[in-house]
Amino acid sequence: MVRNLARESLEMNGYTVLEAANGKEALLISQQHEGRIHLLLTDMVMPRMSGKELAEQLVKLRPDTRVLYMSGYTNQAIVHQGILDRDIAFIGKPFTPDALVTEVVKVLEQNVS
């Protein structure tokens, strides 16, 4: 349900979305996709592979890809448990479509020269 909301929100704002049900599928899709992948939006907890593992593997293949994590856990809880660093891009669930688009824009515009 969250994946559908995210996809619809992003597509309605002009973004092209490559959707995957889990981390392994996301890696396969990214390997088959010929164009650039600007952003990986991933949940922290997914079947078969965590969001952190997915991001680490995908960024090795595509170093210019930005990452935005989402979770039902708070950012502070994830940082406190040592799962992610403090400076990661993060959006907590539940989120509104507008909040997601705002965060995606923010992540994509970071450190743009």
N, C-alpha and C. Protein backbone atom coordinates (compact mmCIF):
# COMPACT_ATOMS: atom_id res chain seq x y z
N MET A 1 0.81 -1.18 0.00
CA MET A 1 0.00 0.00 0.00
C MET A 1 0.87 1.27 0.00
N VAL A 2 1.91 1.27 0.83
CA VAL A 2 2.82 2.43 0.87
C VAL A 2 3.55 2.55 -0.46
N ARG A 3 3.96 1.41 -1.01
CA ARG A 3 4.67 1.43 -2.30
C ARG A 3 3.80 2.02 -3.39
N ASN A 4 2.52 1.66 -3.41
CA ASN A 4 1.60 2.21 -4.41
C ASN A 4 1.42 3.71 -4.22
N LEU A 5 1.27 4.16 -2.98
CA LEU A 5 1.12 5.58 -2.69
C LEU A 5 2.37 6.34 -3.16
N ALA A 6 3.53 5.80 -2.84
CA ALA A 6 4.78 6.46 -3.22
C ALA A 6 4.89 6.55 -4.75
N ARG A 7 4.64 5.43 -5.43
CA ARG A 7 4.73 5.42 -6.90
C ARG A 7 3.78 6.42 -7.51
N GLU A 8 2.52 6.39 -7.09
CA GLU A 8 1.52 7.30 -7.65
C GLU A 8 1.88 8.76 -7.39
N SER A 9 2.32 9.06 -6.17
CA SER A 9 2.68 10.43 -5.82
C SER A 9 3.83 10.94 -6.68
N LEU A 10 4.84 10.10 -6.86
CA LEU A 10 6.01 10.51 -7.64
C LEU A 10 5.67 10.63 -9.12
N GLU A 11 4.91 9.67 -9.65
CA GLU A 11 4.55 9.73 -11.07
C GLU A 11 3.67 10.94 -11.36
N MET A 12 2.76 11.29 -10.45
CA MET A 12 1.90 12.46 -10.65
C MET A 12 2.71 13.76 -10.65
N ASN A 13 3.93 13.69 -10.12
CA ASN A 13 4.80 14.87 -10.09
C ASN A 13 5.90 14.78 -11.15
N GLY A 14 5.72 13.90 -12.12
CA GLY A 14 6.61 13.85 -13.27
C GLY A 14 7.81 12.93 -13.17
N TYR A 15 7.92 12.17 -12.10
CA TYR A 15 9.05 11.26 -11.94
C TYR A 15 8.75 9.92 -12.60
N THR A 16 9.76 9.30 -13.17
CA THR A 16 9.66 7.94 -13.68
C THR A 16 10.04 7.00 -12.55
N VAL A 17 9.21 6.01 -12.28
CA VAL A 17 9.43 5.11 -11.15
C VAL A 17 9.67 3.70 -11.64
N LEU A 18 10.75 3.09 -11.16
CA LEU A 18 11.02 1.67 -11.37
C LEU A 18 10.64 1.00 -10.05
N GLU A 19 9.60 0.19 -10.06
CA GLU A 19 9.06 -0.36 -8.83
C GLU A 19 9.50 -1.80 -8.63
N ALA A 20 9.84 -2.13 -7.38
CA ALA A 20 10.25 -3.50 -7.05
C ALA A 20 9.59 -3.91 -5.73
N ALA A 21 9.31 -5.20 -5.61
CA ALA A 21 8.66 -5.74 -4.41
C ALA A 21 9.66 -6.00 -3.28
N ASN A 22 10.94 -6.14 -3.63
CA ASN A 22 11.96 -6.41 -2.61
C ASN A 22 13.33 -6.00 -3.13
N GLY A 23 14.33 -6.11 -2.27
CA GLY A 23 15.67 -5.67 -2.62
C GLY A 23 16.30 -6.43 -3.78
N LYS A 24 16.14 -7.74 -3.79
CA LYS A 24 16.72 -8.54 -4.88
C LYS A 24 16.12 -8.13 -6.22
N GLU A 25 14.81 -7.92 -6.23
CA GLU A 25 14.14 -7.50 -7.46
C GLU A 25 14.61 -6.10 -7.86
N ALA A 26 14.80 -5.23 -6.90
CA ALA A 26 15.28 -3.88 -7.19
C ALA A 26 16.66 -3.90 -7.84
N LEU A 27 17.55 -4.76 -7.32
CA LEU A 27 18.89 -4.87 -7.91
C LEU A 27 18.81 -5.38 -9.35
N LEU A 28 17.97 -6.37 -9.58
CA LEU A 28 17.81 -6.92 -10.92
C LEU A 28 17.28 -5.85 -11.88
N ILE A 29 16.27 -5.12 -11.45
CA ILE A 29 15.71 -4.06 -12.29
C ILE A 29 16.77 -2.99 -12.57
N SER A 30 17.54 -2.64 -11.56
CA SER A 30 18.56 -1.60 -11.76
C SER A 30 19.65 -2.07 -12.72
N GLN A 31 19.96 -3.34 -12.71
CA GLN A 31 20.98 -3.88 -13.63
C GLN A 31 20.46 -3.90 -15.06
N GLN A 32 19.15 -4.08 -15.23
CA GLN A 32 18.57 -4.15 -16.57
C GLN A 32 18.21 -2.77 -17.12
N HIS A 33 18.11 -1.78 -16.26
CA HIS A 33 17.71 -0.44 -16.69
C HIS A 33 18.91 0.27 -17.32
N GLU A 34 18.73 0.77 -18.53
CA GLU A 34 19.83 1.40 -19.26
C GLU A 34 20.04 2.86 -18.89
N GLY A 35 19.01 3.51 -18.41
CA GLY A 35 19.13 4.92 -18.07
C GLY A 35 19.70 5.13 -16.68
N ARG A 36 19.82 6.40 -16.33
CA ARG A 36 20.32 6.77 -15.01
C ARG A 36 19.23 6.55 -13.96
N ILE A 37 19.64 6.16 -12.79
CA ILE A 37 18.73 6.07 -11.64
C ILE A 37 19.17 7.17 -10.69
N HIS A 38 18.36 8.20 -10.58
CA HIS A 38 18.71 9.37 -9.79
C HIS A 38 18.55 9.13 -8.29
N LEU A 39 17.54 8.33 -7.92
CA LEU A 39 17.21 8.17 -6.51
C LEU A 39 16.70 6.77 -6.24
N LEU A 40 17.17 6.21 -5.14
CA LEU A 40 16.61 4.97 -4.61
C LEU A 40 15.79 5.34 -3.39
N LEU A 41 14.50 5.06 -3.42
CA LEU A 41 13.62 5.21 -2.26
C LEU A 41 13.39 3.80 -1.73
N THR A 42 13.85 3.54 -0.53
CA THR A 42 13.75 2.19 0.00
C THR A 42 13.29 2.17 1.44
N ASP A 43 12.50 1.18 1.75
CA ASP A 43 12.11 0.96 3.14
C ASP A 43 13.30 0.31 3.84
N MET A 44 13.40 0.52 5.13
CA MET A 44 14.48 -0.10 5.90
C MET A 44 14.27 -1.60 6.04
N VAL A 45 13.02 -2.01 6.22
CA VAL A 45 12.70 -3.42 6.45
C VAL A 45 11.92 -3.93 5.25
N MET A 46 12.52 -4.90 4.56
CA MET A 46 11.89 -5.51 3.39
C MET A 46 12.20 -6.99 3.38
N PRO A 47 11.41 -7.76 2.62
CA PRO A 47 11.72 -9.18 2.48
C PRO A 47 13.03 -9.39 1.71
N ARG A 48 13.78 -10.38 2.07
CA ARG A 48 14.98 -10.86 1.36
C ARG A 48 16.24 -10.01 1.55
N MET A 49 16.10 -8.71 1.82
CA MET A 49 17.28 -7.85 1.93
C MET A 49 16.84 -6.54 2.60
N SER A 50 17.63 -6.03 3.52
CA SER A 50 17.28 -4.75 4.16
C SER A 50 17.51 -3.60 3.19
N GLY A 51 16.89 -2.48 3.51
CA GLY A 51 17.08 -1.29 2.70
C GLY A 51 18.53 -0.82 2.69
N LYS A 52 19.20 -0.96 3.83
CA LYS A 52 20.60 -0.56 3.90
C LYS A 52 21.46 -1.44 2.99
N GLU A 53 21.22 -2.76 3.01
CA GLU A 53 21.97 -3.67 2.13
C GLU A 53 21.70 -3.34 0.66
N LEU A 54 20.44 -3.09 0.34
CA LEU A 54 20.09 -2.74 -1.04
C LEU A 54 20.83 -1.48 -1.47
N ALA A 55 20.78 -0.46 -0.64
CA ALA A 55 21.43 0.81 -0.99
C ALA A 55 22.93 0.63 -1.18
N GLU A 56 23.56 -0.11 -0.30
CA GLU A 56 25.01 -0.34 -0.42
C GLU A 56 25.35 -1.03 -1.73
N GLN A 57 24.58 -2.03 -2.10
CA GLN A 57 24.85 -2.76 -3.34
C GLN A 57 24.53 -1.93 -4.58
N LEU A 58 23.41 -1.21 -4.54
CA LEU A 58 23.03 -0.42 -5.71
C LEU A 58 24.00 0.73 -5.94
N VAL A 59 24.43 1.38 -4.87
CA VAL A 59 25.36 2.50 -5.02
C VAL A 59 26.72 2.03 -5.52
N LYS A 60 27.10 0.80 -5.23
CA LYS A 60 28.34 0.24 -5.82
C LYS A 60 28.21 0.15 -7.33
N LEU A 61 27.03 -0.24 -7.80
CA LEU A 61 26.78 -0.36 -9.25
C LEU A 61 26.55 0.99 -9.91
N ARG A 62 25.94 1.90 -9.17
CA ARG A 62 25.55 3.21 -9.70
C ARG A 62 25.91 4.28 -8.66
N PRO A 63 27.18 4.68 -8.61
CA PRO A 63 27.65 5.58 -7.55
C PRO A 63 26.97 6.94 -7.50
N ASP A 64 26.36 7.38 -8.58
CA ASP A 64 25.72 8.70 -8.56
C ASP A 64 24.27 8.66 -8.08
N THR A 65 23.79 7.50 -7.67
CA THR A 65 22.41 7.36 -7.19
C THR A 65 22.29 7.86 -5.76
N ARG A 66 21.33 8.73 -5.53
CA ARG A 66 21.02 9.22 -4.17
C ARG A 66 20.11 8.20 -3.50
N VAL A 67 20.08 8.22 -2.17
CA VAL A 67 19.26 7.26 -1.42
C VAL A 67 18.39 8.01 -0.41
N LEU A 68 17.12 7.65 -0.39
CA LEU A 68 16.16 8.15 0.59
C LEU A 68 15.55 6.93 1.27
N TYR A 69 15.77 6.83 2.58
CA TYR A 69 15.22 5.72 3.36
C TYR A 69 13.87 6.12 3.94
N MET A 70 12.99 5.12 4.10
CA MET A 70 11.75 5.33 4.82
C MET A 70 11.55 4.19 5.80
N SER A 71 10.83 4.52 6.88
CA SER A 71 10.57 3.50 7.89
C SER A 71 9.45 3.95 8.81
N GLY A 72 8.79 2.98 9.40
CA GLY A 72 7.82 3.27 10.44
C GLY A 72 8.49 3.59 11.76
N TYR A 73 9.78 3.24 11.86
CA TYR A 73 10.56 3.60 13.04
C TYR A 73 11.05 5.03 12.87
N THR A 74 11.28 5.73 13.96
CA THR A 74 11.77 7.10 13.85
C THR A 74 13.24 7.10 13.43
N ASN A 75 13.66 8.21 12.87
CA ASN A 75 15.05 8.38 12.47
C ASN A 75 15.98 8.19 13.68
N GLN A 76 15.58 8.75 14.83
CA GLN A 76 16.41 8.64 16.03
C GLN A 76 16.56 7.20 16.47
N ALA A 77 15.50 6.40 16.38
CA ALA A 77 15.58 5.00 16.77
C ALA A 77 16.53 4.23 15.87
N ILE A 78 16.48 4.51 14.59
CA ILE A 78 17.35 3.82 13.63
C ILE A 78 18.80 4.20 13.85
N VAL A 79 19.06 5.48 14.08
CA VAL A 79 20.42 5.95 14.34
C VAL A 79 20.92 5.36 15.66
N HIS A 80 20.07 5.39 16.69
CA HIS A 80 20.45 4.88 18.01
C HIS A 80 20.83 3.40 17.95
N GLN A 81 20.14 2.64 17.13
CA GLN A 81 20.44 1.20 17.01
C GLN A 81 21.64 0.95 16.10
N GLY A 82 22.21 1.99 15.53
CA GLY A 82 23.38 1.83 14.69
C GLY A 82 23.09 1.33 13.29
N ILE A 83 21.83 1.40 12.90
CA ILE A 83 21.44 0.91 11.57
C ILE A 83 21.85 1.90 10.49
N LEU A 84 21.69 3.19 10.77
CA LEU A 84 22.04 4.23 9.80
C LEU A 84 22.79 5.36 10.49
N ASP A 85 23.52 6.12 9.71
CA ASP A 85 24.21 7.30 10.20
C ASP A 85 23.22 8.45 10.35
N ARG A 86 23.61 9.45 11.11
CA ARG A 86 22.75 10.61 11.36
C ARG A 86 22.48 11.43 10.09
N ASP A 87 23.40 11.46 9.16
CA ASP A 87 23.28 12.35 8.02
C ASP A 87 22.57 11.73 6.81
N ILE A 88 21.87 10.64 7.02
CA ILE A 88 21.17 9.99 5.90
C ILE A 88 19.86 10.74 5.62
N ALA A 89 19.36 10.58 4.41
CA ALA A 89 18.06 11.15 4.05
C ALA A 89 17.00 10.15 4.49
N PHE A 90 16.00 10.63 5.23
CA PHE A 90 15.03 9.74 5.86
C PHE A 90 13.66 10.40 5.90
N ILE A 91 12.63 9.60 5.63
CA ILE A 91 11.25 10.05 5.82
C ILE A 91 10.51 8.99 6.61
N GLY A 92 9.83 9.42 7.65
CA GLY A 92 9.09 8.50 8.49
C GLY A 92 7.71 8.20 7.94
N LYS A 93 7.29 6.96 8.15
CA LYS A 93 5.93 6.56 7.77
C LYS A 93 5.04 6.70 8.99
N PRO A 94 3.81 7.08 8.81
CA PRO A 94 3.18 7.41 7.53
C PRO A 94 3.58 8.82 7.07
N PHE A 95 3.54 9.03 5.77
CA PHE A 95 3.84 10.35 5.21
C PHE A 95 2.76 10.69 4.20
N THR A 96 2.63 11.97 3.94
CA THR A 96 1.67 12.42 2.93
C THR A 96 2.36 12.42 1.57
N PRO A 97 1.59 12.38 0.50
CA PRO A 97 2.20 12.47 -0.83
C PRO A 97 3.05 13.73 -0.99
N ASP A 98 2.56 14.86 -0.49
CA ASP A 98 3.32 16.11 -0.60
C ASP A 98 4.62 16.04 0.18
N ALA A 99 4.59 15.44 1.37
CA ALA A 99 5.82 15.32 2.18
C ALA A 99 6.85 14.46 1.46
N LEU A 100 6.39 13.39 0.81
CA LEU A 100 7.32 12.53 0.07
C LEU A 100 7.96 13.30 -1.08
N VAL A 101 7.16 13.98 -1.86
CA VAL A 101 7.69 14.73 -3.01
C VAL A 101 8.66 15.80 -2.53
N THR A 102 8.32 16.49 -1.45
CA THR A 102 9.21 17.51 -0.90
C THR A 102 10.55 16.91 -0.50
N GLU A 103 10.53 15.76 0.14
CA GLU A 103 11.77 15.11 0.58
C GLU A 103 12.59 14.62 -0.62
N VAL A 104 11.92 14.09 -1.64
CA VAL A 104 12.61 13.63 -2.85
C VAL A 104 13.32 14.82 -3.51
N VAL A 105 12.63 15.93 -3.66
CA VAL A 105 13.23 17.12 -4.26
C VAL A 105 14.45 17.55 -3.45
N LYS A 106 14.31 17.58 -2.15
CA LYS A 106 15.40 17.99 -1.26
C LYS A 106 16.63 17.09 -1.44
N VAL A 107 16.42 15.79 -1.49
CA VAL A 107 17.53 14.85 -1.65
C VAL A 107 18.19 15.01 -3.02
N LEU A 108 17.38 15.17 -4.05
CA LEU A 108 17.94 15.30 -5.40
C LEU A 108 18.70 16.61 -5.58
N GLU A 109 18.35 17.64 -4.84
CA GLU A 109 19.01 18.94 -4.98
C GLU A 109 20.21 19.11 -4.06
N GLN A 110 20.47 18.17 -3.16
CA GLN A 110 21.61 18.29 -2.25
C GLN A 110 22.92 18.29 -3.02
N ASN A 111 23.79 19.22 -2.64
CA ASN A 111 25.14 19.30 -3.18
C ASN A 111 25.19 19.36 -4.70
N VAL A 112 24.20 19.98 -5.30
CA VAL A 112 24.21 20.14 -6.75
C VAL A 112 25.13 21.31 -7.08
N SER A 113 26.10 21.07 -7.95
CA SER A 113 27.06 22.14 -8.31
C SER A 113 26.62 22.84 -9.57
